[in-house]
Amino acid sequence: MKSGIDTSRIESMLAHLKAAAANAKGGVNPVQTEKTVEKADFSVALKTMLDQVNGAQHKSKVIGERFALGDDSVNLSEVMIASQKASIAFQATVQVRNKLVSAYQDIMNMQV
């Protein structure tokens, strides 16, 4: 039986680690993907949401006016559903605005 440390294994392990370190110094080669990730822009998302809310409100107004003028193709349930959709969309927009204002105030109150 051998009672010492096997230096050949240690030297081979050390050589392997040095080779790995030399490869790492060359930099990381990122994996290229075929599809690009679209950057999410908050202002675009906010404008899209506001346009959708505006569209829901406009649709509700038009359907309500058609019903009030006696259009037989529009019934009361359609008017109420469109009105509630517009109302819920507007309430959600107000809540987003409130959260944005609150976050802005929190940032402005931070100590530098």
PDB file of N, CA and C in Angstrom:
ATOM      1  N   MET A   1       0.822  -1.185   0.000  1.00  0.00           N
ATOM      2  CA  MET A   1       0.000   0.000   0.000  1.00  0.00           C
ATOM      3  C   MET A   1       0.859   1.238   0.000  1.00  0.00           C
ATOM      4  N   LYS A   2       0.393   2.187  -0.714  1.00  0.00           N
ATOM      5  CA  LYS A   2       1.063   3.476  -0.759  1.00  0.00           C
ATOM      6  C   LYS A   2       0.452   4.375   0.287  1.00  0.00           C
ATOM      7  N   SER A   3       1.239   5.086   1.011  1.00  0.00           N
ATOM      8  CA  SER A   3       0.719   5.953   2.060  1.00  0.00           C
ATOM      9  C   SER A   3       0.875   7.423   1.727  1.00  0.00           C
ATOM     10  N   GLY A   4       1.237   7.794   0.523  1.00  0.00           N
ATOM     11  CA  GLY A   4       1.418   9.189   0.161  1.00  0.00           C
ATOM     12  C   GLY A   4       0.312   9.685  -0.749  1.00  0.00           C
ATOM     13  N   ILE A   5       0.437  10.926  -1.087  1.00  0.00           N
ATOM     14  CA  ILE A   5      -0.524  11.547  -1.987  1.00  0.00           C
ATOM     15  C   ILE A   5      -0.050  11.297  -3.405  1.00  0.00           C
ATOM     16  N   ASP A   6      -0.968  10.931  -4.264  1.00  0.00           N
ATOM     17  CA  ASP A   6      -0.645  10.670  -5.661  1.00  0.00           C
ATOM     18  C   ASP A   6      -0.500  12.004  -6.380  1.00  0.00           C
ATOM     19  N   THR A   7       0.734  12.417  -6.621  1.00  0.00           N
ATOM     20  CA  THR A   7       0.984  13.732  -7.215  1.00  0.00           C
ATOM     21  C   THR A   7       0.623  13.782  -8.686  1.00  0.00           C
ATOM     22  N   SER A   8       0.638  12.671  -9.357  1.00  0.00           N
ATOM     23  CA  SER A   8       0.316  12.700 -10.788  1.00  0.00           C
ATOM     24  C   SER A   8      -1.150  13.082 -11.009  1.00  0.00           C
ATOM     25  N   ARG A   9      -2.021  12.591 -10.138  1.00  0.00           N
ATOM     26  CA  ARG A   9      -3.440  12.953 -10.257  1.00  0.00           C
ATOM     27  C   ARG A   9      -3.644  14.430  -9.940  1.00  0.00           C
ATOM     28  N   ILE A  10      -2.919  14.924  -8.946  1.00  0.00           N
ATOM     29  CA  ILE A  10      -3.037  16.341  -8.584  1.00  0.00           C
ATOM     30  C   ILE A  10      -2.525  17.215  -9.722  1.00  0.00           C
ATOM     31  N   GLU A  11      -1.401  16.809 -10.321  1.00  0.00           N
ATOM     32  CA  GLU A  11      -0.842  17.590 -11.423  1.00  0.00           C
ATOM     33  C   GLU A  11      -1.764  17.577 -12.642  1.00  0.00           C
ATOM     34  N   SER A  12      -2.391  16.436 -12.917  1.00  0.00           N
ATOM     35  CA  SER A  12      -3.305  16.386 -14.063  1.00  0.00           C
ATOM     36  C   SER A  12      -4.555  17.241 -13.798  1.00  0.00           C
ATOM     37  N   MET A  13      -5.016  17.217 -12.553  1.00  0.00           N
ATOM     38  CA  MET A  13      -6.166  18.052 -12.184  1.00  0.00           C
ATOM     39  C   MET A  13      -5.796  19.521 -12.286  1.00  0.00           C
ATOM     40  N   LEU A  14      -4.605  19.890 -11.850  1.00  0.00           N
ATOM     41  CA  LEU A  14      -4.139  21.267 -11.923  1.00  0.00           C
ATOM     42  C   LEU A  14      -4.015  21.716 -13.378  1.00  0.00           C
ATOM     43  N   ALA A  15      -3.507  20.846 -14.247  1.00  0.00           N
ATOM     44  CA  ALA A  15      -3.387  21.176 -15.662  1.00  0.00           C
ATOM     45  C   ALA A  15      -4.775  21.373 -16.283  1.00  0.00           C
ATOM     46  N   HIS A  16      -5.708  20.541 -15.879  1.00  0.00           N
ATOM     47  CA  HIS A  16      -7.082  20.666 -16.378  1.00  0.00           C
ATOM     48  C   HIS A  16      -7.700  21.994 -15.939  1.00  0.00           C
ATOM     49  N   LEU A  17      -7.491  22.391 -14.681  1.00  0.00           N
ATOM     50  CA  LEU A  17      -8.024  23.657 -14.177  1.00  0.00           C
ATOM     51  C   LEU A  17      -7.376  24.852 -14.868  1.00  0.00           C
ATOM     52  N   LYS A  18      -6.046  24.761 -15.136  1.00  0.00           N
ATOM     53  CA  LYS A  18      -5.367  25.849 -15.836  1.00  0.00           C
ATOM     54  C   LYS A  18      -5.892  25.999 -17.259  1.00  0.00           C
ATOM     55  N   ALA A  19      -6.170  24.874 -17.909  1.00  0.00           N
ATOM     56  CA  ALA A  19      -6.716  24.932 -19.269  1.00  0.00           C
ATOM     57  C   ALA A  19      -8.118  25.546 -19.259  1.00  0.00           C
ATOM     58  N   ALA A  20      -8.912  25.196 -18.261  1.00  0.00           N
ATOM     59  CA  ALA A  20     -10.256  25.764 -18.153  1.00  0.00           C
ATOM     60  C   ALA A  20     -10.185  27.259 -17.880  1.00  0.00           C
ATOM     61  N   ALA A  21      -9.228  27.683 -17.049  1.00  0.00           N
ATOM     62  CA  ALA A  21      -9.067  29.106 -16.751  1.00  0.00           C
ATOM     63  C   ALA A  21      -8.620  29.869 -17.991  1.00  0.00           C
ATOM     64  N   ALA A  22      -7.750  29.264 -18.795  1.00  0.00           N
ATOM     65  CA  ALA A  22      -7.293  29.923 -20.017  1.00  0.00           C
ATOM     66  C   ALA A  22      -8.448  30.081 -21.004  1.00  0.00           C
ATOM     67  N   ASN A  23      -9.318  29.088 -21.084  1.00  0.00           N
ATOM     68  CA  ASN A  23     -10.486  29.196 -21.963  1.00  0.00           C
ATOM     69  C   ASN A  23     -11.451  30.268 -21.476  1.00  0.00           C
ATOM     70  N   ALA A  24     -11.575  30.411 -20.162  1.00  0.00           N
ATOM     71  CA  ALA A  24     -12.491  31.398 -19.594  1.00  0.00           C
ATOM     72  C   ALA A  24     -12.001  32.816 -19.834  1.00  0.00           C
ATOM     73  N   LYS A  25     -10.679  33.012 -19.894  1.00  0.00           N
ATOM     74  CA  LYS A  25     -10.144  34.350 -20.133  1.00  0.00           C
ATOM     75  C   LYS A  25     -10.485  34.851 -21.526  1.00  0.00           C
ATOM     76  N   GLY A  26     -10.730  33.935 -22.432  1.00  0.00           N
ATOM     77  CA  GLY A  26     -11.069  34.310 -23.797  1.00  0.00           C
ATOM     78  C   GLY A  26     -12.445  34.928 -23.904  1.00  0.00           C
ATOM     79  N   GLY A  27     -13.234  34.813 -22.881  1.00  0.00           N
ATOM     80  CA  GLY A  27     -14.577  35.379 -22.904  1.00  0.00           C
ATOM     81  C   GLY A  27     -15.613  34.300 -23.090  1.00  0.00           C
ATOM     82  N   VAL A  28     -16.802  34.685 -22.837  1.00  0.00           N
ATOM     83  CA  VAL A  28     -17.920  33.764 -22.955  1.00  0.00           C
ATOM     84  C   VAL A  28     -18.508  33.899 -24.348  1.00  0.00           C
ATOM     85  N   ASN A  29     -18.762  32.792 -24.972  1.00  0.00           N
ATOM     86  CA  ASN A  29     -19.404  32.803 -26.277  1.00  0.00           C
ATOM     87  C   ASN A  29     -20.892  32.618 -26.080  1.00  0.00           C
ATOM     88  N   PRO A  30     -21.670  33.680 -26.223  1.00  0.00           N
ATOM     89  CA  PRO A  30     -23.111  33.545 -25.998  1.00  0.00           C
ATOM     90  C   PRO A  30     -23.754  32.700 -27.084  1.00  0.00           C
ATOM     91  N   VAL A  31     -24.773  32.008 -26.712  1.00  0.00           N
ATOM     92  CA  VAL A  31     -25.519  31.192 -27.652  1.00  0.00           C
ATOM     93  C   VAL A  31     -26.384  32.118 -28.494  1.00  0.00           C
ATOM     94  N   GLN A  32     -26.279  31.986 -29.784  1.00  0.00           N
ATOM     95  CA  GLN A  32     -27.070  32.820 -30.679  1.00  0.00           C
ATOM     96  C   GLN A  32     -28.440  32.188 -30.865  1.00  0.00           C
ATOM     97  N   THR A  33     -29.465  32.968 -30.697  1.00  0.00           N
ATOM     98  CA  THR A  33     -30.816  32.472 -30.915  1.00  0.00           C
ATOM     99  C   THR A  33     -31.348  33.067 -32.200  1.00  0.00           C
ATOM    100  N   GLU A  34     -32.268  32.356 -32.805  1.00  0.00           N
ATOM    101  CA  GLU A  34     -32.812  32.822 -34.073  1.00  0.00           C
ATOM    102  C   GLU A  34     -33.806  33.955 -33.897  1.00  0.00           C
ATOM    103  N   LYS A  35     -34.605  33.898 -32.847  1.00  0.00           N
ATOM    104  CA  LYS A  35     -35.587  34.958 -32.663  1.00  0.00           C
ATOM    105  C   LYS A  35     -35.056  35.986 -31.668  1.00  0.00           C
ATOM    106  N   THR A  36     -35.368  37.220 -31.922  1.00  0.00           N
ATOM    107  CA  THR A  36     -34.923  38.286 -31.042  1.00  0.00           C
ATOM    108  C   THR A  36     -36.017  38.583 -30.028  1.00  0.00           C
ATOM    109  N   VAL A  37     -35.585  38.984 -28.866  1.00  0.00           N
ATOM    110  CA  VAL A  37     -36.532  39.328 -27.812  1.00  0.00           C
ATOM    111  C   VAL A  37     -36.940  40.776 -28.011  1.00  0.00           C
ATOM    112  N   GLU A  38     -38.238  41.002 -28.102  1.00  0.00           N
ATOM    113  CA  GLU A  38     -38.728  42.360 -28.297  1.00  0.00           C
ATOM    114  C   GLU A  38     -38.665  43.106 -26.972  1.00  0.00           C
ATOM    115  N   LYS A  39     -38.083  44.273 -27.020  1.00  0.00           N
ATOM    116  CA  LYS A  39     -37.945  45.086 -25.823  1.00  0.00           C
ATOM    117  C   LYS A  39     -39.300  45.704 -25.475  1.00  0.00           C
ATOM    118  N   ALA A  40     -39.717  45.501 -24.237  1.00  0.00           N
ATOM    119  CA  ALA A  40     -40.996  46.054 -23.790  1.00  0.00           C
ATOM    120  C   ALA A  40     -40.793  47.519 -23.404  1.00  0.00           C
ATOM    121  N   ASP A  41     -41.544  48.376 -24.024  1.00  0.00           N
ATOM    122  CA  ASP A  41     -41.454  49.801 -23.748  1.00  0.00           C
ATOM    123  C   ASP A  41     -42.711  50.201 -22.976  1.00  0.00           C
ATOM    124  N   PHE A  42     -42.529  50.740 -21.782  1.00  0.00           N
ATOM    125  CA  PHE A  42     -43.656  51.054 -20.915  1.00  0.00           C
ATOM    126  C   PHE A  42     -44.568  52.097 -21.538  1.00  0.00           C
ATOM    127  N   SER A  43     -43.990  53.088 -22.183  1.00  0.00           N
ATOM    128  CA  SER A  43     -44.828  54.144 -22.765  1.00  0.00           C
ATOM    129  C   SER A  43     -45.710  53.596 -23.885  1.00  0.00           C
ATOM    130  N   VAL A  44     -45.182  52.652 -24.657  1.00  0.00           N
ATOM    131  CA  VAL A  44     -45.984  52.045 -25.724  1.00  0.00           C
ATOM    132  C   VAL A  44     -47.110  51.217 -25.117  1.00  0.00           C
ATOM    133  N   ALA A  45     -46.798  50.456 -24.069  1.00  0.00           N
ATOM    134  CA  ALA A  45     -47.824  49.638 -23.412  1.00  0.00           C
ATOM    135  C   ALA A  45     -48.907  50.524 -22.801  1.00  0.00           C
ATOM    136  N   LEU A  46     -48.501  51.627 -22.188  1.00  0.00           N
ATOM    137  CA  LEU A  46     -49.463  52.541 -21.578  1.00  0.00           C
ATOM    138  C   LEU A  46     -50.356  53.194 -22.638  1.00  0.00           C
ATOM    139  N   LYS A  47     -49.745  53.619 -23.730  1.00  0.00           N
ATOM    140  CA  LYS A  47     -50.537  54.231 -24.803  1.00  0.00           C
ATOM    141  C   LYS A  47     -51.511  53.222 -25.401  1.00  0.00           C
ATOM    142  N   THR A  48     -51.078  51.989 -25.579  1.00  0.00           N
ATOM    143  CA  THR A  48     -51.964  50.950 -26.107  1.00  0.00           C
ATOM    144  C   THR A  48     -53.147  50.730 -25.180  1.00  0.00           C
ATOM    145  N   MET A  49     -52.859  50.681 -23.874  1.00  0.00           N
ATOM    146  CA  MET A  49     -53.932  50.491 -22.900  1.00  0.00           C
ATOM    147  C   MET A  49     -54.913  51.669 -22.937  1.00  0.00           C
ATOM    148  N   LEU A  50     -54.398  52.882 -23.003  1.00  0.00           N
ATOM    149  CA  LEU A  50     -55.269  54.059 -23.055  1.00  0.00           C
ATOM    150  C   LEU A  50     -56.114  54.074 -24.330  1.00  0.00           C
ATOM    151  N   ASP A  51     -55.518  53.647 -25.440  1.00  0.00           N
ATOM    152  CA  ASP A  51     -56.285  53.574 -26.687  1.00  0.00           C
ATOM    153  C   ASP A  51     -57.407  52.544 -26.585  1.00  0.00           C
ATOM    154  N   GLN A  52     -57.134  51.420 -25.911  1.00  0.00           N
ATOM    155  CA  GLN A  52     -58.172  50.401 -25.739  1.00  0.00           C
ATOM    156  C   GLN A  52     -59.305  50.913 -24.857  1.00  0.00           C
ATOM    157  N   VAL A  53     -58.958  51.630 -23.798  1.00  0.00           N
ATOM    158  CA  VAL A  53     -59.989  52.203 -22.924  1.00  0.00           C
ATOM    159  C   VAL A  53     -60.812  53.227 -23.697  1.00  0.00           C
ATOM    160  N   ASN A  54     -60.142  54.054 -24.460  1.00  0.00           N
ATOM    161  CA  ASN A  54     -60.850  55.045 -25.275  1.00  0.00           C
ATOM    162  C   ASN A  54     -61.782  54.364 -26.269  1.00  0.00           C
ATOM    163  N   GLY A  55     -61.320  53.288 -26.875  1.00  0.00           N
ATOM    164  CA  GLY A  55     -62.154  52.549 -27.817  1.00  0.00           C
ATOM    165  C   GLY A  55     -63.382  51.950 -27.143  1.00  0.00           C
ATOM    166  N   ALA A  56     -63.204  51.407 -25.933  1.00  0.00           N
ATOM    167  CA  ALA A  56     -64.340  50.834 -25.198  1.00  0.00           C
ATOM    168  C   ALA A  56     -65.349  51.917 -24.836  1.00  0.00           C
ATOM    169  N   GLN A  57     -64.859  53.093 -24.430  1.00  0.00           N
ATOM    170  CA  GLN A  57     -65.767  54.187 -24.094  1.00  0.00           C
ATOM    171  C   GLN A  57     -66.508  54.692 -25.330  1.00  0.00           C
ATOM    172  N   HIS A  58     -65.799  54.788 -26.433  1.00  0.00           N
ATOM    173  CA  HIS A  58     -66.436  55.247 -27.671  1.00  0.00           C
ATOM    174  C   HIS A  58     -67.502  54.248 -28.129  1.00  0.00           C
ATOM    175  N   LYS A  59     -67.171  52.958 -28.067  1.00  0.00           N
ATOM    176  CA  LYS A  59     -68.139  51.927 -28.457  1.00  0.00           C
ATOM    177  C   LYS A  59     -69.377  51.991 -27.568  1.00  0.00           C
ATOM    178  N   SER A  60     -69.166  52.174 -26.267  1.00  0.00           N
ATOM    179  CA  SER A  60     -70.287  52.272 -25.336  1.00  0.00           C
ATOM    180  C   SER A  60     -71.171  53.471 -25.680  1.00  0.00           C
ATOM    181  N   LYS A  61     -70.542  54.590 -25.998  1.00  0.00           N
ATOM    182  CA  LYS A  61     -71.297  55.798 -26.345  1.00  0.00           C
ATOM    183  C   LYS A  61     -72.111  55.583 -27.619  1.00  0.00           C
ATOM    184  N   VAL A  62     -71.490  54.995 -28.633  1.00  0.00           N
ATOM    185  CA  VAL A  62     -72.176  54.778 -29.910  1.00  0.00           C
ATOM    186  C   VAL A  62     -73.347  53.818 -29.740  1.00  0.00           C
ATOM    187  N   ILE A  63     -73.124  52.723 -29.015  1.00  0.00           N
ATOM    188  CA  ILE A  63     -74.209  51.754 -28.805  1.00  0.00           C
ATOM    189  C   ILE A  63     -75.343  52.389 -28.003  1.00  0.00           C
ATOM    190  N   GLY A  64     -74.994  53.177 -26.992  1.00  0.00           N
ATOM    191  CA  GLY A  64     -76.016  53.869 -26.198  1.00  0.00           C
ATOM    192  C   GLY A  64     -76.832  54.835 -27.030  1.00  0.00           C
ATOM    193  N   GLU A  65     -76.152  55.587 -27.905  1.00  0.00           N
ATOM    194  CA  GLU A  65     -76.860  56.529 -28.774  1.00  0.00           C
ATOM    195  C   GLU A  65     -77.772  55.801 -29.753  1.00  0.00           C
ATOM    196  N   ARG A  66     -77.280  54.698 -30.306  1.00  0.00           N
ATOM    197  CA  ARG A  66     -78.123  53.924 -31.234  1.00  0.00           C
ATOM    198  C   ARG A  66     -79.364  53.386 -30.533  1.00  0.00           C
ATOM    199  N   PHE A  67     -79.179  52.912 -29.287  1.00  0.00           N
ATOM    200  CA  PHE A  67     -80.321  52.396 -28.529  1.00  0.00           C
ATOM    201  C   PHE A  67     -81.311  53.522 -28.225  1.00  0.00           C
ATOM    202  N   ALA A  68     -80.777  54.688 -27.843  1.00  0.00           N
ATOM    203  CA  ALA A  68     -81.642  55.824 -27.509  1.00  0.00           C
ATOM    204  C   ALA A  68     -82.423  56.326 -28.726  1.00  0.00           C
ATOM    205  N   LEU A  69     -81.834  56.185 -29.903  1.00  0.00           N
ATOM    206  CA  LEU A  69     -82.512  56.620 -31.128  1.00  0.00           C
ATOM    207  C   LEU A  69     -83.491  55.575 -31.657  1.00  0.00           C
ATOM    208  N   GLY A  70     -83.584  54.437 -30.972  1.00  0.00           N
ATOM    209  CA  GLY A  70     -84.575  53.435 -31.352  1.00  0.00           C
ATOM    210  C   GLY A  70     -84.095  52.400 -32.348  1.00  0.00           C
ATOM    211  N   ASP A  71     -82.794  52.211 -32.469  1.00  0.00           N
ATOM    212  CA  ASP A  71     -82.263  51.192 -33.379  1.00  0.00           C
ATOM    213  C   ASP A  71     -82.657  49.809 -32.864  1.00  0.00           C
ATOM    214  N   ASP A  72     -83.384  49.035 -33.696  1.00  0.00           N
ATOM    215  CA  ASP A  72     -83.867  47.721 -33.275  1.00  0.00           C
ATOM    216  C   ASP A  72     -82.757  46.671 -33.210  1.00  0.00           C
ATOM    217  N   SER A  73     -81.611  46.926 -33.848  1.00  0.00           N
ATOM    218  CA  SER A  73     -80.525  45.943 -33.832  1.00  0.00           C
ATOM    219  C   SER A  73     -79.736  45.961 -32.523  1.00  0.00           C
ATOM    220  N   VAL A  74     -79.993  46.952 -31.678  1.00  0.00           N
ATOM    221  CA  VAL A  74     -79.296  47.073 -30.394  1.00  0.00           C
ATOM    222  C   VAL A  74     -80.306  46.852 -29.282  1.00  0.00           C
ATOM    223  N   ASN A  75     -79.978  45.929 -28.369  1.00  0.00           N
ATOM    224  CA  ASN A  75     -80.883  45.729 -27.234  1.00  0.00           C
ATOM    225  C   ASN A  75     -80.245  46.278 -25.958  1.00  0.00           C
ATOM    226  N   LEU A  76     -81.027  46.345 -24.914  1.00  0.00           N
ATOM    227  CA  LEU A  76     -80.584  46.954 -23.663  1.00  0.00           C
ATOM    228  C   LEU A  76     -79.399  46.212 -23.048  1.00  0.00           C
ATOM    229  N   SER A  77     -79.383  44.887 -23.169  1.00  0.00           N
ATOM    230  CA  SER A  77     -78.275  44.128 -22.566  1.00  0.00           C
ATOM    231  C   SER A  77     -76.942  44.468 -23.229  1.00  0.00           C
ATOM    232  N   GLU A  78     -76.933  44.687 -24.541  1.00  0.00           N
ATOM    233  CA  GLU A  78     -75.700  45.086 -25.226  1.00  0.00           C
ATOM    234  C   GLU A  78     -75.227  46.448 -24.744  1.00  0.00           C
ATOM    235  N   VAL A  79     -76.165  47.347 -24.538  1.00  0.00           N
ATOM    236  CA  VAL A  79     -75.829  48.687 -24.052  1.00  0.00           C
ATOM    237  C   VAL A  79     -75.217  48.599 -22.658  1.00  0.00           C
ATOM    238  N   MET A  80     -75.835  47.813 -21.788  1.00  0.00           N
ATOM    239  CA  MET A  80     -75.343  47.693 -20.414  1.00  0.00           C
ATOM    240  C   MET A  80     -73.984  47.000 -20.357  1.00  0.00           C
ATOM    241  N   ILE A  81     -73.806  45.960 -21.172  1.00  0.00           N
ATOM    242  CA  ILE A  81     -72.518  45.257 -21.190  1.00  0.00           C
ATOM    243  C   ILE A  81     -71.412  46.181 -21.682  1.00  0.00           C
ATOM    244  N   ALA A  82     -71.651  46.917 -22.758  1.00  0.00           N
ATOM    245  CA  ALA A  82     -70.651  47.851 -23.282  1.00  0.00           C
ATOM    246  C   ALA A  82     -70.341  48.936 -22.261  1.00  0.00           C
ATOM    247  N   SER A  83     -71.377  49.412 -21.574  1.00  0.00           N
ATOM    248  CA  SER A  83     -71.187  50.443 -20.560  1.00  0.00           C
ATOM    249  C   SER A  83     -70.338  49.927 -19.400  1.00  0.00           C
ATOM    250  N   GLN A  84     -70.607  48.710 -18.958  1.00  0.00           N
ATOM    251  CA  GLN A  84     -69.846  48.146 -17.842  1.00  0.00           C
ATOM    252  C   GLN A  84     -68.404  47.844 -18.239  1.00  0.00           C
ATOM    253  N   LYS A  85     -68.191  47.373 -19.467  1.00  0.00           N
ATOM    254  CA  LYS A  85     -66.823  47.137 -19.943  1.00  0.00           C
ATOM    255  C   LYS A  85     -66.029  48.438 -19.951  1.00  0.00           C
ATOM    256  N   ALA A  86     -66.653  49.500 -20.437  1.00  0.00           N
ATOM    257  CA  ALA A  86     -65.983  50.800 -20.471  1.00  0.00           C
ATOM    258  C   ALA A  86     -65.706  51.301 -19.062  1.00  0.00           C
ATOM    259  N   SER A  87     -66.657  51.096 -18.159  1.00  0.00           N
ATOM    260  CA  SER A  87     -66.490  51.541 -16.782  1.00  0.00           C
ATOM    261  C   SER A  87     -65.356  50.793 -16.085  1.00  0.00           C
ATOM    262  N   ILE A  88     -65.314  49.480 -16.261  1.00  0.00           N
ATOM    263  CA  ILE A  88     -64.260  48.681 -15.629  1.00  0.00           C
ATOM    264  C   ILE A  88     -62.895  49.041 -16.203  1.00  0.00           C
ATOM    265  N   ALA A  89     -62.815  49.228 -17.514  1.00  0.00           N
ATOM    266  CA  ALA A  89     -61.548  49.608 -18.137  1.00  0.00           C
ATOM    267  C   ALA A  89     -61.072  50.960 -17.617  1.00  0.00           C
ATOM    268  N   PHE A  90     -61.998  51.900 -17.464  1.00  0.00           N
ATOM    269  CA  PHE A  90     -61.624  53.217 -16.954  1.00  0.00           C
ATOM    270  C   PHE A  90     -61.174  53.140 -15.499  1.00  0.00           C
ATOM    271  N   GLN A  91     -61.875  52.357 -14.684  1.00  0.00           N
ATOM    272  CA  GLN A  91     -61.482  52.195 -13.280  1.00  0.00           C
ATOM    273  C   GLN A  91     -60.093  51.572 -13.168  1.00  0.00           C
ATOM    274  N   ALA A  92     -59.796  50.597 -14.022  1.00  0.00           N
ATOM    275  CA  ALA A  92     -58.463  49.991 -14.013  1.00  0.00           C
ATOM    276  C   ALA A  92     -57.406  51.015 -14.402  1.00  0.00           C
ATOM    277  N   THR A  93     -57.725  51.865 -15.369  1.00  0.00           N
ATOM    278  CA  THR A  93     -56.795  52.913 -15.785  1.00  0.00           C
ATOM    279  C   THR A  93     -56.537  53.897 -14.652  1.00  0.00           C
ATOM    280  N   VAL A  94     -57.572  54.259 -13.933  1.00  0.00           N
ATOM    281  CA  VAL A  94     -57.413  55.171 -12.791  1.00  0.00           C
ATOM    282  C   VAL A  94     -56.524  54.528 -11.726  1.00  0.00           C
ATOM    283  N   GLN A  95     -56.692  53.240 -11.479  1.00  0.00           N
ATOM    284  CA  GLN A  95     -55.859  52.561 -10.486  1.00  0.00           C
ATOM    285  C   GLN A  95     -54.395  52.509 -10.924  1.00  0.00           C
ATOM    286  N   VAL A  96     -54.158  52.279 -12.214  1.00  0.00           N
ATOM    287  CA  VAL A  96     -52.782  52.294 -12.722  1.00  0.00           C
ATOM    288  C   VAL A  96     -52.185  53.680 -12.547  1.00  0.00           C
ATOM    289  N   ARG A  97     -52.970  54.706 -12.860  1.00  0.00           N
ATOM    290  CA  ARG A  97     -52.493  56.076 -12.669  1.00  0.00           C
ATOM    291  C   ARG A  97     -52.148  56.341 -11.209  1.00  0.00           C
ATOM    292  N   ASN A  98     -53.017  55.898 -10.290  1.00  0.00           N
ATOM    293  CA  ASN A  98     -52.768  56.104  -8.863  1.00  0.00           C
ATOM    294  C   ASN A  98     -51.488  55.409  -8.421  1.00  0.00           C
ATOM    295  N   LYS A  99     -51.253  54.195  -8.912  1.00  0.00           N
ATOM    296  CA  LYS A  99     -50.023  53.472  -8.561  1.00  0.00           C
ATOM    297  C   LYS A  99     -48.797  54.183  -9.122  1.00  0.00           C
ATOM    298  N   LEU A 100     -48.902  54.706 -10.336  1.00  0.00           N
ATOM    299  CA  LEU A 100     -47.780  55.439 -10.917  1.00  0.00           C
ATOM    300  C   LEU A 100     -47.458  56.694 -10.118  1.00  0.00           C
ATOM    301  N   VAL A 101     -48.485  57.421  -9.731  1.00  0.00           N
ATOM    302  CA  VAL A 101     -48.278  58.635  -8.931  1.00  0.00           C
ATOM    303  C   VAL A 101     -47.661  58.276  -7.587  1.00  0.00           C
ATOM    304  N   SER A 102     -48.139  57.209  -6.970  1.00  0.00           N
ATOM    305  CA  SER A 102     -47.602  56.770  -5.681  1.00  0.00           C
ATOM    306  C   SER A 102     -46.131  56.362  -5.811  1.00  0.00           C
ATOM    307  N   ALA A 103     -45.800  55.628  -6.872  1.00  0.00           N
ATOM    308  CA  ALA A 103     -44.409  55.221  -7.087  1.00  0.00           C
ATOM    309  C   ALA A 103     -43.526  56.437  -7.339  1.00  0.00           C
ATOM    310  N   TYR A 104     -44.022  57.401  -8.106  1.00  0.00           N
ATOM    311  CA  TYR A 104     -43.269  58.626  -8.367  1.00  0.00           C
ATOM    312  C   TYR A 104     -43.013  59.389  -7.068  1.00  0.00           C
ATOM    313  N   GLN A 105     -44.038  59.489  -6.222  1.00  0.00           N
ATOM    314  CA  GLN A 105     -43.875  60.191  -4.952  1.00  0.00           C
ATOM    315  C   GLN A 105     -42.887  59.467  -4.049  1.00  0.00           C
ATOM    316  N   ASP A 106     -42.921  58.135  -4.041  1.00  0.00           N
ATOM    317  CA  ASP A 106     -41.961  57.370  -3.246  1.00  0.00           C
ATOM    318  C   ASP A 106     -40.536  57.625  -3.712  1.00  0.00           C
ATOM    319  N   ILE A 107     -40.345  57.675  -5.022  1.00  0.00           N
ATOM    320  CA  ILE A 107     -39.007  57.923  -5.561  1.00  0.00           C
ATOM    321  C   ILE A 107     -38.550  59.337  -5.231  1.00  0.00           C
ATOM    322  N   MET A 108     -39.445  60.301  -5.335  1.00  0.00           N
ATOM    323  CA  MET A 108     -39.075  61.684  -5.049  1.00  0.00           C
ATOM    324  C   MET A 108     -38.775  61.905  -3.568  1.00  0.00           C
ATOM    325  N   ASN A 109     -39.366  61.104  -2.701  1.00  0.00           N
ATOM    326  CA  ASN A 109     -39.135  61.255  -1.264  1.00  0.00           C
ATOM    327  C   ASN A 109     -37.913  60.495  -0.765  1.00  0.00           C
ATOM    328  N   MET A 110     -37.232  59.762  -1.638  1.00  0.00           N
ATOM    329  CA  MET A 110     -36.040  59.015  -1.228  1.00  0.00           C
ATOM    330  C   MET A 110     -34.898  59.973  -0.923  1.00  0.00           C
ATOM    331  N   GLN A 111     -34.135  59.607   0.088  1.00  0.00           N
ATOM    332  CA  GLN A 111     -32.954  60.390   0.437  1.00  0.00           C
ATOM    333  C   GLN A 111     -31.802  60.003  -0.482  1.00  0.00           C
ATOM    334  N   VAL A 112     -31.052  60.995  -0.935  1.00  0.00           N
ATOM    335  CA  VAL A 112     -29.925  60.728  -1.831  1.00  0.00           C
ATOM    336  C   VAL A 112     -28.669  60.564  -1.041  1.00  0.00           C
TER     337      VAL A 112
END
